[in-house]
Amino acid sequence: MRQLFILTIIILSSTASISLQAQETNFINDYLERLENSQKYLNLVAAAMPAEKYEYRVTPESMSFEEHLMHIAWAMDWHSQSLLGGRPARDWETDNELKVASKTKAEMIATVNSTFETTIQFIKDFDTTKLNDKVAYGELERSKRQVLQILSDHITHHRAQMLVAMRLNGLVPPRYMLFQ
């Protein structure tokens, strides 16, 4: 009887573990689908803004359209590679790879796409058992799952700023409904 009880506990524990792992895999798959659609939509937004308007700022204190675009790349790199992956953060003062610097519109779009692809591959390879691990996020402590959610929110925030810049320049942004 005791052996049957122990065997039952082992089976239930294994089943719960498998179920939890499946949920984590579902979370990652859902996240990747949203991130890939976010990339497609951002590409349309970036392409729709004329190159001569890339320096446009909604207010003098605001980031320019191009700074928002490149900031999205910087944020993806930092959230995935540094916060989730443990790589030291890039030095904002000296590292121009993910900054506007002297990049053309085409170079910026290519850089953002490359960063999306690197981030997507990183997340595909991410060990889902670490999603509940905690990391420092500013003065807060967040799970790695929350870091992914914050990244999505961050991309959306900066893309929305880009949409405002387009509207203020008389441009109609691409339809978002097609990319949800």
N, C-alpha and C. Protein backbone atom coordinates (compact mmCIF):
# COMPACT_ATOMS: atom_id res chain seq x y z
N MET A 1 0.81 -1.19 0.00
CA MET A 1 0.00 0.00 0.00
C MET A 1 0.87 1.26 0.00
N ARG A 2 1.92 1.25 0.81
CA ARG A 2 2.82 2.40 0.89
C ARG A 2 3.49 2.63 -0.46
N GLN A 3 3.90 1.55 -1.14
CA GLN A 3 4.54 1.68 -2.45
C GLN A 3 3.57 2.27 -3.47
N LEU A 4 2.33 1.88 -3.41
CA LEU A 4 1.31 2.42 -4.31
C LEU A 4 1.13 3.92 -4.06
N PHE A 5 1.14 4.31 -2.80
CA PHE A 5 1.01 5.72 -2.44
C PHE A 5 2.20 6.52 -3.00
N ILE A 6 3.40 6.00 -2.81
CA ILE A 6 4.60 6.68 -3.30
C ILE A 6 4.58 6.77 -4.82
N LEU A 7 4.20 5.68 -5.47
CA LEU A 7 4.11 5.67 -6.92
C LEU A 7 3.09 6.69 -7.41
N THR A 8 1.97 6.79 -6.73
CA THR A 8 0.93 7.77 -7.09
C THR A 8 1.47 9.19 -6.95
N ILE A 9 2.18 9.47 -5.89
CA ILE A 9 2.77 10.80 -5.67
C ILE A 9 3.77 11.12 -6.79
N ILE A 10 4.60 10.17 -7.14
CA ILE A 10 5.59 10.38 -8.20
C ILE A 10 4.88 10.68 -9.53
N ILE A 11 3.87 9.91 -9.85
CA ILE A 11 3.14 10.11 -11.10
C ILE A 11 2.45 11.48 -11.11
N LEU A 12 1.81 11.84 -10.01
CA LEU A 12 1.15 13.14 -9.94
C LEU A 12 2.15 14.29 -10.05
N SER A 13 3.29 14.15 -9.41
CA SER A 13 4.33 15.17 -9.48
C SER A 13 4.85 15.31 -10.90
N SER A 14 5.07 14.19 -11.55
CA SER A 14 5.55 14.21 -12.94
C SER A 14 4.53 14.86 -13.86
N THR A 15 3.28 14.51 -13.67
CA THR A 15 2.21 15.07 -14.49
C THR A 15 2.11 16.58 -14.29
N ALA A 16 2.20 17.03 -13.05
CA ALA A 16 2.14 18.46 -12.76
C ALA A 16 3.32 19.18 -13.40
N SER A 17 4.50 18.58 -13.33
CA SER A 17 5.69 19.18 -13.91
C SER A 17 5.57 19.29 -15.43
N ILE A 18 5.08 18.23 -16.05
CA ILE A 18 4.89 18.24 -17.50
C ILE A 18 3.85 19.29 -17.89
N SER A 19 2.78 19.39 -17.13
CA SER A 19 1.73 20.37 -17.39
C SER A 19 2.27 21.79 -17.26
N LEU A 20 3.06 22.04 -16.24
CA LEU A 20 3.65 23.36 -16.04
C LEU A 20 4.60 23.70 -17.18
N GLN A 21 5.42 22.74 -17.59
CA GLN A 21 6.35 22.96 -18.69
C GLN A 21 5.58 23.28 -19.98
N ALA A 22 4.47 22.59 -20.21
CA ALA A 22 3.65 22.86 -21.40
C ALA A 22 3.09 24.28 -21.35
N GLN A 23 2.68 24.73 -20.16
CA GLN A 23 2.17 26.09 -20.02
C GLN A 23 3.26 27.11 -20.34
N GLU A 24 4.47 26.84 -19.86
CA GLU A 24 5.58 27.76 -20.12
C GLU A 24 5.90 27.80 -21.61
N THR A 25 5.86 26.64 -22.26
CA THR A 25 6.10 26.58 -23.70
C THR A 25 5.01 27.34 -24.44
N ASN A 26 3.77 27.20 -24.00
CA ASN A 26 2.67 27.94 -24.62
C ASN A 26 2.88 29.44 -24.46
N PHE A 27 3.33 29.87 -23.28
CA PHE A 27 3.60 31.29 -23.04
C PHE A 27 4.65 31.79 -24.03
N ILE A 28 5.74 31.06 -24.18
CA ILE A 28 6.82 31.46 -25.08
C ILE A 28 6.31 31.48 -26.52
N ASN A 29 5.59 30.47 -26.94
CA ASN A 29 5.07 30.43 -28.31
C ASN A 29 4.13 31.60 -28.58
N ASP A 30 3.25 31.89 -27.64
CA ASP A 30 2.35 33.04 -27.78
C ASP A 30 3.14 34.34 -27.82
N TYR A 31 4.15 34.44 -26.96
CA TYR A 31 4.98 35.65 -26.91
C TYR A 31 5.70 35.85 -28.25
N LEU A 32 6.26 34.77 -28.78
CA LEU A 32 6.99 34.87 -30.05
C LEU A 32 6.08 35.29 -31.20
N GLU A 33 4.87 34.76 -31.21
CA GLU A 33 3.92 35.16 -32.26
C GLU A 33 3.66 36.66 -32.20
N ARG A 34 3.45 37.19 -30.99
CA ARG A 34 3.22 38.63 -30.82
C ARG A 34 4.46 39.44 -31.20
N LEU A 35 5.64 38.97 -30.81
CA LEU A 35 6.87 39.70 -31.12
C LEU A 35 7.11 39.72 -32.63
N GLU A 36 6.87 38.61 -33.30
CA GLU A 36 7.05 38.57 -34.75
C GLU A 36 6.06 39.49 -35.46
N ASN A 37 4.83 39.55 -34.97
CA ASN A 37 3.85 40.47 -35.55
C ASN A 37 4.22 41.92 -35.24
N SER A 38 4.78 42.15 -34.07
CA SER A 38 5.25 43.49 -33.71
C SER A 38 6.35 43.93 -34.67
N GLN A 39 7.24 43.02 -35.01
CA GLN A 39 8.31 43.32 -35.96
C GLN A 39 7.72 43.70 -37.33
N LYS A 40 6.78 42.92 -37.80
CA LYS A 40 6.16 43.20 -39.11
C LYS A 40 5.51 44.58 -39.11
N TYR A 41 4.78 44.88 -38.05
CA TYR A 41 4.09 46.16 -37.99
C TYR A 41 5.10 47.31 -37.88
N LEU A 42 6.11 47.16 -37.05
CA LEU A 42 7.12 48.21 -36.92
C LEU A 42 7.82 48.45 -38.25
N ASN A 43 8.06 47.40 -39.02
CA ASN A 43 8.67 47.57 -40.34
C ASN A 43 7.80 48.45 -41.24
N LEU A 44 6.50 48.22 -41.21
CA LEU A 44 5.59 49.04 -42.02
C LEU A 44 5.61 50.49 -41.57
N VAL A 45 5.62 50.70 -40.26
CA VAL A 45 5.66 52.06 -39.71
C VAL A 45 6.96 52.75 -40.12
N ALA A 46 8.07 52.07 -39.95
CA ALA A 46 9.38 52.66 -40.28
C ALA A 46 9.49 52.96 -41.77
N ALA A 47 8.95 52.07 -42.60
CA ALA A 47 9.01 52.28 -44.05
C ALA A 47 8.10 53.42 -44.50
N ALA A 48 6.98 53.61 -43.81
CA ALA A 48 6.00 54.62 -44.22
C ALA A 48 6.46 56.05 -43.96
N MET A 49 7.34 56.23 -43.00
CA MET A 49 7.82 57.59 -42.69
C MET A 49 8.93 57.94 -43.68
N PRO A 50 8.79 59.06 -44.40
CA PRO A 50 9.84 59.46 -45.34
C PRO A 50 11.17 59.71 -44.60
N ALA A 51 12.26 59.37 -45.24
CA ALA A 51 13.59 59.52 -44.63
C ALA A 51 13.83 60.94 -44.15
N GLU A 52 13.34 61.93 -44.90
CA GLU A 52 13.58 63.33 -44.52
C GLU A 52 12.80 63.73 -43.26
N LYS A 53 11.88 62.89 -42.82
CA LYS A 53 11.11 63.15 -41.60
C LYS A 53 11.62 62.34 -40.41
N TYR A 54 12.64 61.54 -40.60
CA TYR A 54 13.14 60.69 -39.52
C TYR A 54 13.66 61.49 -38.32
N GLU A 55 14.10 62.72 -38.54
CA GLU A 55 14.61 63.54 -37.44
C GLU A 55 13.50 64.32 -36.73
N TYR A 56 12.27 64.17 -37.19
CA TYR A 56 11.14 64.92 -36.63
C TYR A 56 10.93 64.58 -35.15
N ARG A 57 10.72 65.64 -34.36
CA ARG A 57 10.42 65.51 -32.93
C ARG A 57 9.05 66.14 -32.67
N VAL A 58 8.23 65.44 -31.92
CA VAL A 58 6.90 65.96 -31.57
C VAL A 58 7.04 67.23 -30.73
N THR A 59 7.99 67.24 -29.82
CA THR A 59 8.35 68.43 -29.03
C THR A 59 9.87 68.49 -28.99
N PRO A 60 10.43 69.64 -28.69
CA PRO A 60 11.89 69.73 -28.64
C PRO A 60 12.54 68.73 -27.67
N GLU A 61 11.83 68.39 -26.58
CA GLU A 61 12.39 67.47 -25.58
C GLU A 61 12.22 66.00 -25.97
N SER A 62 11.36 65.73 -26.93
CA SER A 62 11.04 64.35 -27.30
C SER A 62 12.17 63.70 -28.09
N MET A 63 12.16 62.37 -28.08
CA MET A 63 13.02 61.64 -29.00
C MET A 63 12.50 61.88 -30.41
N SER A 64 13.39 61.84 -31.37
CA SER A 64 12.97 61.93 -32.76
C SER A 64 12.38 60.58 -33.20
N PHE A 65 11.75 60.57 -34.36
CA PHE A 65 11.20 59.33 -34.91
C PHE A 65 12.30 58.27 -34.98
N GLU A 66 13.46 58.66 -35.51
CA GLU A 66 14.56 57.70 -35.66
C GLU A 66 15.12 57.26 -34.31
N GLU A 67 15.13 58.14 -33.32
CA GLU A 67 15.60 57.75 -31.99
C GLU A 67 14.65 56.75 -31.35
N HIS A 68 13.36 56.93 -31.54
CA HIS A 68 12.39 55.94 -31.04
C HIS A 68 12.64 54.58 -31.70
N LEU A 69 12.85 54.60 -33.01
CA LEU A 69 13.07 53.35 -33.74
C LEU A 69 14.30 52.62 -33.20
N MET A 70 15.39 53.33 -33.06
CA MET A 70 16.62 52.69 -32.60
C MET A 70 16.56 52.35 -31.12
N HIS A 71 15.80 53.12 -30.37
CA HIS A 71 15.63 52.81 -28.94
C HIS A 71 14.92 51.46 -28.77
N ILE A 72 14.02 51.14 -29.67
CA ILE A 72 13.36 49.83 -29.63
C ILE A 72 14.40 48.73 -29.76
N ALA A 73 15.35 48.90 -30.68
CA ALA A 73 16.42 47.90 -30.84
C ALA A 73 17.25 47.81 -29.56
N TRP A 74 17.61 48.96 -29.01
CA TRP A 74 18.40 48.98 -27.78
C TRP A 74 17.66 48.26 -26.65
N ALA A 75 16.37 48.54 -26.52
CA ALA A 75 15.56 47.93 -25.45
C ALA A 75 15.47 46.42 -25.63
N MET A 76 15.28 45.96 -26.86
CA MET A 76 15.22 44.51 -27.10
C MET A 76 16.53 43.85 -26.69
N ASP A 77 17.63 44.46 -27.08
CA ASP A 77 18.95 43.91 -26.76
C ASP A 77 19.15 43.87 -25.25
N TRP A 78 18.85 44.96 -24.56
CA TRP A 78 19.08 45.02 -23.12
C TRP A 78 18.17 44.06 -22.36
N HIS A 79 16.87 44.06 -22.69
CA HIS A 79 15.94 43.18 -21.99
C HIS A 79 16.29 41.71 -22.20
N SER A 80 16.59 41.33 -23.44
CA SER A 80 16.84 39.91 -23.71
C SER A 80 18.27 39.51 -23.35
N GLN A 81 19.24 40.14 -23.95
CA GLN A 81 20.62 39.70 -23.78
C GLN A 81 21.18 40.00 -22.39
N SER A 82 20.84 41.15 -21.84
CA SER A 82 21.40 41.53 -20.53
C SER A 82 20.53 41.06 -19.36
N LEU A 83 19.27 41.45 -19.33
CA LEU A 83 18.42 41.07 -18.19
C LEU A 83 18.12 39.58 -18.17
N LEU A 84 17.76 39.02 -19.31
CA LEU A 84 17.42 37.59 -19.34
C LEU A 84 18.66 36.72 -19.52
N GLY A 85 19.61 37.19 -20.31
CA GLY A 85 20.77 36.37 -20.66
C GLY A 85 22.00 36.58 -19.80
N GLY A 86 22.04 37.67 -19.05
CA GLY A 86 23.16 37.90 -18.15
C GLY A 86 24.38 38.55 -18.78
N ARG A 87 24.31 38.93 -20.05
CA ARG A 87 25.44 39.61 -20.68
C ARG A 87 25.53 41.04 -20.14
N PRO A 88 26.73 41.56 -19.92
CA PRO A 88 26.82 42.96 -19.48
C PRO A 88 26.11 43.88 -20.48
N ALA A 89 25.47 44.91 -19.96
CA ALA A 89 24.75 45.86 -20.81
C ALA A 89 25.74 46.63 -21.68
N ARG A 90 25.26 47.03 -22.84
CA ARG A 90 26.08 47.87 -23.73
C ARG A 90 26.33 49.22 -23.05
N ASP A 91 27.42 49.85 -23.41
CA ASP A 91 27.75 51.17 -22.89
C ASP A 91 27.11 52.22 -23.80
N TRP A 92 26.08 52.88 -23.31
CA TRP A 92 25.34 53.86 -24.09
C TRP A 92 26.24 54.97 -24.62
N GLU A 93 27.28 55.30 -23.88
CA GLU A 93 28.16 56.42 -24.26
C GLU A 93 29.07 56.07 -25.44
N THR A 94 29.44 54.81 -25.57
CA THR A 94 30.44 54.45 -26.59
C THR A 94 29.94 53.49 -27.67
N ASP A 95 28.87 52.77 -27.42
CA ASP A 95 28.39 51.75 -28.36
C ASP A 95 27.33 52.35 -29.28
N ASN A 96 27.67 52.51 -30.56
CA ASN A 96 26.75 53.12 -31.51
C ASN A 96 25.99 52.11 -32.37
N GLU A 97 26.22 50.83 -32.16
CA GLU A 97 25.58 49.81 -33.00
C GLU A 97 24.06 49.94 -33.02
N LEU A 98 23.47 50.22 -31.87
CA LEU A 98 22.01 50.29 -31.78
C LEU A 98 21.51 51.72 -31.58
N LYS A 99 22.33 52.69 -31.98
CA LYS A 99 21.94 54.09 -31.91
C LYS A 99 21.84 54.65 -33.32
N VAL A 100 21.23 55.81 -33.45
CA VAL A 100 21.08 56.42 -34.77
C VAL A 100 22.45 56.67 -35.39
N ALA A 101 23.35 57.29 -34.63
CA ALA A 101 24.69 57.65 -35.13
C ALA A 101 24.53 58.28 -36.52
N SER A 102 25.17 57.73 -37.52
CA SER A 102 25.05 58.29 -38.87
C SER A 102 24.36 57.32 -39.82
N LYS A 103 23.48 56.51 -39.29
CA LYS A 103 22.80 55.49 -40.10
C LYS A 103 21.74 56.12 -41.02
N THR A 104 21.60 55.51 -42.19
CA THR A 104 20.52 55.89 -43.09
C THR A 104 19.23 55.21 -42.62
N LYS A 105 18.12 55.60 -43.21
CA LYS A 105 16.84 54.96 -42.91
C LYS A 105 16.94 53.46 -43.13
N ALA A 106 17.48 53.06 -44.26
CA ALA A 106 17.60 51.62 -44.59
C ALA A 106 18.50 50.90 -43.59
N GLU A 107 19.58 51.54 -43.17
CA GLU A 107 20.48 50.92 -42.19
C GLU A 107 19.81 50.78 -40.83
N MET A 108 19.02 51.78 -40.45
CA MET A 108 18.31 51.69 -39.17
C MET A 108 17.30 50.55 -39.20
N ILE A 109 16.53 50.46 -40.27
CA ILE A 109 15.54 49.39 -40.38
C ILE A 109 16.23 48.03 -40.37
N ALA A 110 17.34 47.91 -41.07
CA ALA A 110 18.08 46.64 -41.09
C ALA A 110 18.61 46.30 -39.70
N THR A 111 19.10 47.29 -38.97
CA THR A 111 19.61 47.06 -37.62
C THR A 111 18.50 46.61 -36.68
N VAL A 112 17.35 47.27 -36.77
CA VAL A 112 16.22 46.89 -35.93
C VAL A 112 15.77 45.47 -36.26
N ASN A 113 15.70 45.14 -37.55
CA ASN A 113 15.30 43.78 -37.94
C ASN A 113 16.29 42.74 -37.46
N SER A 114 17.56 43.04 -37.55
CA SER A 114 18.58 42.11 -37.06
C SER A 114 18.44 41.90 -35.56
N THR A 115 18.14 42.97 -34.84
CA THR A 115 17.96 42.87 -33.39
C THR A 115 16.70 42.07 -33.06
N PHE A 116 15.64 42.27 -33.82
CA PHE A 116 14.43 41.44 -33.64
C PHE A 116 14.78 39.97 -33.83
N GLU A 117 15.49 39.66 -34.90
CA GLU A 117 15.82 38.25 -35.19
C GLU A 117 16.68 37.64 -34.09
N THR A 118 17.65 38.40 -33.61
CA THR A 118 18.50 37.92 -32.51
C THR A 118 17.66 37.70 -31.26
N THR A 119 16.76 38.63 -30.97
CA THR A 119 15.90 38.52 -29.79
C THR A 119 14.95 37.33 -29.92
N ILE A 120 14.37 37.16 -31.08
CA ILE A 120 13.46 36.03 -31.31
C ILE A 120 14.19 34.71 -31.12
N GLN A 121 15.38 34.59 -31.68
CA GLN A 121 16.15 33.35 -31.52
C GLN A 121 16.52 33.12 -30.05
N PHE A 122 16.90 34.20 -29.37
CA PHE A 122 17.24 34.09 -27.95
C PHE A 122 16.05 33.54 -27.17
N ILE A 123 14.87 34.06 -27.43
CA ILE A 123 13.67 33.63 -26.70
C ILE A 123 13.30 32.19 -27.07
N LYS A 124 13.47 31.82 -28.34
CA LYS A 124 13.21 30.43 -28.74
C LYS A 124 14.10 29.47 -27.96
N ASP A 125 15.34 29.88 -27.72
CA ASP A 125 16.32 29.03 -27.03
C ASP A 125 16.26 29.17 -25.51
N PHE A 126 15.47 30.10 -25.00
CA PHE A 126 15.45 30.40 -23.58
C PHE A 126 14.94 29.21 -22.76
N ASP A 127 15.60 28.94 -21.67
CA ASP A 127 15.20 27.87 -20.75
C ASP A 127 13.99 28.33 -19.95
N THR A 128 12.82 27.78 -20.28
CA THR A 128 11.58 28.24 -19.65
C THR A 128 11.52 27.96 -18.16
N THR A 129 12.39 27.10 -17.66
CA THR A 129 12.39 26.88 -16.21
C THR A 129 12.93 28.10 -15.47
N LYS A 130 13.49 29.05 -16.19
CA LYS A 130 14.04 30.26 -15.58
C LYS A 130 13.07 31.45 -15.64
N LEU A 131 11.87 31.25 -16.17
CA LEU A 131 10.92 32.35 -16.29
C LEU A 131 10.53 32.97 -14.96
N ASN A 132 10.58 32.21 -13.90
CA ASN A 132 10.22 32.75 -12.58
C ASN A 132 11.42 33.27 -11.80
N ASP A 133 12.64 33.12 -12.36
CA ASP A 133 13.83 33.68 -11.73
C ASP A 133 13.68 35.20 -11.65
N LYS A 134 14.19 35.78 -10.59
CA LYS A 134 14.08 37.23 -10.38
C LYS A 134 15.35 37.94 -10.82
N VAL A 135 15.17 39.15 -11.35
CA VAL A 135 16.29 40.02 -11.72
C VAL A 135 15.98 41.43 -11.24
N ALA A 136 17.03 42.21 -11.05
CA ALA A 136 16.85 43.61 -10.68
C ALA A 136 16.41 44.38 -11.92
N TYR A 137 15.37 45.18 -11.77
CA TYR A 137 14.86 46.01 -12.86
C TYR A 137 14.71 47.41 -12.28
N GLY A 138 15.74 48.21 -12.47
CA GLY A 138 15.77 49.51 -11.81
C GLY A 138 15.81 49.27 -10.31
N GLU A 139 14.90 49.88 -9.60
CA GLU A 139 14.82 49.68 -8.15
C GLU A 139 13.87 48.55 -7.78
N LEU A 140 13.33 47.87 -8.77
CA LEU A 140 12.37 46.80 -8.55
C LEU A 140 12.99 45.44 -8.79
N GLU A 141 12.29 44.42 -8.35
CA GLU A 141 12.68 43.05 -8.66
C GLU A 141 11.56 42.46 -9.49
N ARG A 142 11.91 41.89 -10.64
CA ARG A 142 10.92 41.34 -11.56
C ARG A 142 11.32 39.93 -11.97
N SER A 143 10.32 39.10 -12.27
CA SER A 143 10.61 37.77 -12.81
C SER A 143 11.02 37.95 -14.28
N LYS A 144 11.69 36.96 -14.81
CA LYS A 144 12.08 37.03 -16.22
C LYS A 144 10.85 37.01 -17.12
N ARG A 145 9.79 36.38 -16.69
CA ARG A 145 8.52 36.43 -17.43
C ARG A 145 8.04 37.88 -17.51
N GLN A 146 8.11 38.60 -16.38
CA GLN A 146 7.70 40.00 -16.36
C GLN A 146 8.60 40.84 -17.25
N VAL A 147 9.88 40.52 -17.31
CA VAL A 147 10.80 41.26 -18.18
C VAL A 147 10.33 41.15 -19.63
N LEU A 148 9.90 39.97 -20.05
CA LEU A 148 9.38 39.81 -21.41
C LEU A 148 8.13 40.67 -21.61
N GLN A 149 7.26 40.69 -20.63
CA GLN A 149 6.04 41.50 -20.74
C GLN A 149 6.38 42.98 -20.78
N ILE A 150 7.34 43.39 -19.97
CA ILE A 150 7.77 44.79 -19.96
C ILE A 150 8.37 45.16 -21.31
N LEU A 151 9.14 44.25 -21.90
CA LEU A 151 9.72 44.51 -23.22
C LEU A 151 8.62 44.77 -24.25
N SER A 152 7.60 43.95 -24.26
CA SER A 152 6.50 44.16 -25.22
C SER A 152 5.86 45.52 -25.01
N ASP A 153 5.63 45.87 -23.76
CA ASP A 153 5.04 47.16 -23.43
C ASP A 153 5.94 48.29 -23.89
N HIS A 154 7.23 48.13 -23.71
CA HIS A 154 8.21 49.15 -24.08
C HIS A 154 8.22 49.37 -25.60
N ILE A 155 8.20 48.27 -26.35
CA ILE A 155 8.16 48.37 -27.81
C ILE A 155 6.90 49.12 -28.23
N THR A 156 5.77 48.74 -27.65
CA THR A 156 4.49 49.38 -27.99
C THR A 156 4.52 50.87 -27.67
N HIS A 157 5.07 51.22 -26.52
CA HIS A 157 5.15 52.63 -26.12
C HIS A 157 5.92 53.45 -27.16
N HIS A 158 7.10 53.00 -27.54
CA HIS A 158 7.91 53.78 -28.47
C HIS A 158 7.33 53.76 -29.88
N ARG A 159 6.74 52.66 -30.28
CA ARG A 159 6.08 52.61 -31.59
C ARG A 159 4.90 53.59 -31.61
N ALA A 160 4.18 53.69 -30.52
CA ALA A 160 3.06 54.64 -30.45
C ALA A 160 3.56 56.07 -30.60
N GLN A 161 4.71 56.37 -30.03
CA GLN A 161 5.28 57.71 -30.20
C GLN A 161 5.60 57.96 -31.68
N MET A 162 6.05 56.92 -32.36
CA MET A 162 6.35 57.03 -33.80
C MET A 162 5.06 57.28 -34.59
N LEU A 163 3.97 56.64 -34.17
CA LEU A 163 2.69 56.84 -34.85
C LEU A 163 2.19 58.27 -34.69
N VAL A 164 2.40 58.84 -33.51
CA VAL A 164 2.03 60.24 -33.29
C VAL A 164 2.83 61.14 -34.23
N ALA A 165 4.12 60.88 -34.37
CA ALA A 165 4.96 61.67 -35.28
C ALA A 165 4.46 61.56 -36.72
N MET A 166 4.05 60.36 -37.11
CA MET A 166 3.51 60.19 -38.46
C MET A 166 2.25 61.03 -38.64
N ARG A 167 1.33 60.94 -37.69
CA ARG A 167 0.06 61.68 -37.77
C ARG A 167 0.32 63.19 -37.83
N LEU A 168 1.25 63.67 -37.02
CA LEU A 168 1.55 65.10 -37.01
C LEU A 168 2.22 65.56 -38.30
N ASN A 169 2.70 64.61 -39.09
CA ASN A 169 3.27 64.92 -40.40
C ASN A 169 2.28 64.61 -41.52
N GLY A 170 1.01 64.40 -41.17
CA GLY A 170 -0.02 64.19 -42.17
C GLY A 170 -0.04 62.81 -42.79
N LEU A 171 0.64 61.86 -42.17
CA LEU A 171 0.70 60.50 -42.70
C LEU A 171 -0.28 59.60 -41.96
N VAL A 172 -0.84 58.65 -42.67
CA VAL A 172 -1.75 57.68 -42.06
C VAL A 172 -0.95 56.41 -41.78
N PRO A 173 -0.85 56.02 -40.51
CA PRO A 173 -0.09 54.80 -40.18
C PRO A 173 -0.75 53.55 -40.75
N PRO A 174 0.02 52.49 -40.92
CA PRO A 174 -0.55 51.22 -41.36
C PRO A 174 -1.59 50.72 -40.35
N ARG A 175 -2.53 49.93 -40.82
CA ARG A 175 -3.59 49.40 -39.95
C ARG A 175 -3.01 48.39 -38.97
N TYR A 176 -3.19 48.67 -37.69
CA TYR A 176 -2.66 47.79 -36.64
C TYR A 176 -3.45 46.49 -36.52
N MET A 177 -4.75 46.53 -36.79
CA MET A 177 -5.60 45.35 -36.60
C MET A 177 -5.07 44.12 -37.33
N LEU A 178 -4.36 44.32 -38.40
CA LEU A 178 -3.85 43.19 -39.18
C LEU A 178 -2.67 42.50 -38.50
N PHE A 179 -2.16 43.06 -37.42
CA PHE A 179 -0.95 42.53 -36.79
C PHE A 179 -1.13 42.18 -35.32
N GLN A 180 -2.35 41.89 -34.91
CA GLN A 180 -2.60 41.52 -33.52
C GLN A 180 -2.52 40.03 -33.32
